[in-house]
Protein backbone atom coordinates (compact mmCIF):
# COMPACT_ATOMS: atom_id res chain seq x y z
CA MET A 1 104.21 -23.32 -63.51
CA ARG A 2 104.83 -26.94 -62.53
CA THR A 3 103.41 -28.15 -65.82
CA ALA A 4 105.75 -25.88 -67.76
CA VAL A 5 108.74 -27.20 -65.79
CA LEU A 6 107.60 -30.79 -66.38
CA ILE A 7 107.24 -30.21 -70.11
CA ALA A 8 110.63 -28.50 -70.26
CA LEU A 9 112.29 -31.42 -68.44
CA LEU A 10 110.65 -34.01 -70.68
CA VAL A 11 111.64 -32.06 -73.81
CA LEU A 12 115.23 -31.84 -72.55
CA LEU A 13 115.28 -35.58 -71.82
CA GLY A 14 113.87 -36.28 -75.27
CA LEU A 15 116.45 -34.02 -76.92
CA PHE A 16 119.19 -35.73 -74.91
CA ALA A 17 117.93 -39.12 -76.04
CA VAL A 18 117.82 -38.11 -79.71
CA LEU A 19 121.31 -36.60 -79.64
CA ASN A 20 122.82 -39.60 -77.85
CA THR A 21 120.93 -42.52 -79.36
CA ASN A 22 124.08 -44.58 -80.02
CA ALA A 23 125.37 -44.18 -76.48
CA LEU A 24 121.95 -44.90 -74.96
CA MET A 25 121.55 -48.10 -76.99
CA TYR A 26 125.07 -49.44 -76.31
CA PRO A 27 124.74 -52.90 -74.71
CA HIS A 28 125.95 -53.41 -71.14
CA THR A 29 125.78 -56.13 -68.54
CA LEU A 30 123.14 -55.40 -65.92
CA SER A 31 123.36 -57.18 -62.56
CA LEU A 32 120.48 -56.96 -60.12
CA GLY A 33 122.21 -59.09 -57.49
CA PHE A 34 120.19 -62.26 -58.01
CA VAL A 35 120.12 -62.22 -61.82
CA THR A 36 122.42 -60.88 -64.55
CA TYR A 37 121.28 -59.61 -67.95
CA ARG A 38 123.65 -59.27 -70.90
CA GLY A 39 123.22 -56.83 -73.74
CA VAL A 40 120.90 -54.41 -71.93
CA PRO A 41 120.92 -50.77 -73.17
CA MET A 42 121.81 -49.25 -69.79
CA GLY A 43 121.53 -45.64 -70.99
CA LEU A 44 117.98 -46.25 -72.19
CA VAL A 45 117.06 -47.86 -68.87
CA LEU A 46 118.43 -44.86 -66.96
CA LEU A 47 116.62 -42.43 -69.29
CA VAL A 48 113.30 -44.23 -68.75
CA LEU A 49 113.89 -44.24 -64.98
CA ALA A 50 114.64 -40.50 -65.01
CA THR A 51 111.44 -39.87 -66.97
CA LEU A 52 109.40 -41.98 -64.55
CA MET A 53 110.93 -40.22 -61.54
CA THR A 54 110.14 -36.83 -63.10
CA LEU A 55 106.50 -37.82 -63.65
CA LEU A 56 106.27 -39.30 -60.16
CA PHE A 57 107.58 -36.07 -58.62
CA TYR A 58 105.16 -34.00 -60.71
CA PHE A 59 102.13 -35.99 -59.57
CA TRP A 60 103.35 -36.03 -55.96
CA ALA A 61 103.71 -32.23 -55.98
CA GLY A 62 100.21 -31.93 -57.49
CA LEU A 63 98.76 -34.15 -54.79
CA THR A 64 100.48 -32.11 -52.09
CA GLY A 65 99.03 -28.92 -53.59
CA LEU A 66 95.56 -30.42 -53.65
CA ARG A 67 95.85 -31.43 -50.01
CA ALA A 68 96.90 -27.91 -49.07
CA GLN A 69 93.94 -26.46 -50.98
CA ALA A 70 91.56 -28.90 -49.29
CA ASP A 71 92.93 -27.92 -45.85
CA SER A 72 92.54 -24.25 -46.72
CA ALA A 73 88.96 -24.76 -47.92
CA ARG A 74 88.08 -26.67 -44.74
CA LEU A 75 89.57 -23.90 -42.61
CA LEU A 76 87.58 -21.27 -44.53
CA ARG A 77 84.35 -23.26 -44.06
CA ASP A 78 85.05 -23.53 -40.33
CA MET A 79 85.74 -19.79 -40.14
CA GLU A 80 82.49 -19.03 -42.00
CA ALA A 81 80.51 -21.26 -39.61
CA LEU A 82 82.15 -19.54 -36.64
CA ARG A 83 81.35 -16.11 -38.11
CA VAL A 84 77.69 -17.06 -38.60
CA SER A 85 77.51 -18.38 -35.04
CA LEU A 86 79.08 -15.23 -33.63
CA ASP A 87 76.77 -13.03 -35.72
CA SER A 88 73.69 -14.82 -34.41
CA GLN A 89 74.93 -14.54 -30.82
CA GLU A 90 75.66 -10.84 -31.30
CA GLY A 91 72.21 -10.29 -32.77
CA SER A 92 70.62 -12.07 -29.83
CA ARG A 93 72.56 -9.97 -27.33
CA PHE A 94 71.66 -6.79 -29.20
CA ALA A 95 67.97 -7.74 -29.18
CA GLN A 96 68.12 -8.36 -25.44
CA LEU A 97 69.81 -5.00 -24.91
CA GLN A 98 67.18 -3.28 -27.07
CA GLU A 99 64.35 -4.89 -25.07
CA HIS A 100 65.98 -3.87 -21.78
CA LEU A 101 66.45 -0.29 -22.96
CA ASP A 102 62.86 -0.13 -24.23
CA ARG A 103 61.56 -1.30 -20.85
CA ARG A 104 63.72 1.24 -19.03
CA LEU A 105 62.61 4.03 -21.36
CA GLN A 106 58.95 3.11 -20.89
CA ALA A 107 59.45 3.10 -17.13
CA LEU A 108 61.09 6.53 -17.33
CA GLU A 109 58.30 7.85 -19.55
CA ALA A 110 55.63 6.57 -17.19
CA GLY A 111 57.40 7.90 -14.12
CA SER A 112 58.26 11.42 -15.31
CA GLY A 113 56.81 14.19 -17.41
CA GLN A 114 59.93 14.69 -19.50
CA SER A 115 58.68 12.75 -22.52
CA SER A 116 60.57 14.87 -25.08
CA GLU A 117 63.90 14.04 -23.43
CA VAL A 118 63.01 10.34 -23.30
CA ALA A 119 61.85 10.43 -26.93
CA ALA A 120 65.17 12.01 -27.97
CA LEU A 121 67.04 9.35 -26.03
CA SER A 122 64.93 6.63 -27.65
CA ALA A 123 65.63 8.07 -31.11
CA ARG A 124 69.35 8.11 -30.31
CA VAL A 125 69.25 4.44 -29.24
CA ASP A 126 67.39 3.54 -32.44
CA ALA A 127 69.97 5.43 -34.54
CA LEU A 128 72.80 3.60 -32.77
CA GLY A 129 71.04 0.29 -33.42
CA ARG A 130 70.71 1.07 -37.13
CA ASP A 131 74.35 2.11 -37.25
CA MET A 132 75.44 -1.12 -35.56
CA ASN A 133 73.34 -3.20 -37.97
CA LEU A 134 74.92 -1.34 -40.90
CA GLN A 135 78.42 -1.96 -39.58
CA LEU A 136 77.66 -5.65 -39.02
CA ALA A 137 76.32 -5.93 -42.58
CA GLN A 138 79.46 -4.25 -43.94
CA LEU A 139 81.65 -6.60 -41.92
CA ASP A 140 79.65 -9.54 -43.20
CA ASP A 141 80.06 -8.40 -46.82
CA TYR A 142 83.79 -7.84 -46.31
CA LEU A 143 84.29 -11.31 -44.81
CA LYS A 144 82.27 -12.94 -47.57
CA THR A 145 84.42 -11.29 -50.26
CA ARG A 146 87.68 -12.14 -48.47
CA LEU A 147 86.74 -15.75 -47.70
CA GLY A 148 85.36 -16.49 -51.11
């Protein structure tokens, strides 16, 4: 979009210059304060300055856009690193919970004769663990597609 606007402005300036060549080339006296030039085509000088300012603005806007993209990319990298860190911490906590539940279930199995009830409870815990792992994997896939 910016390139199209730049090209349109430069074409308009060029068309203006072609249509007004006599006026642009008319000699004037140019005073810079400490030196005076006679016979300078003031219109041409102003046209060149307008073209240079247009190009300067175009490159400045491009540089600003690149900086914004770099900041966005850095933020996304930081978010990805944070997500990986949180995932590993969550996995560690889940493993600790699984170990604790396994120990408790083994203690219950050893202490009572209701092994079918304990086995059903153990199967339920395993199913919940698989479900949690599936949800974490789906969340991971979603974040990877959204973050690039």
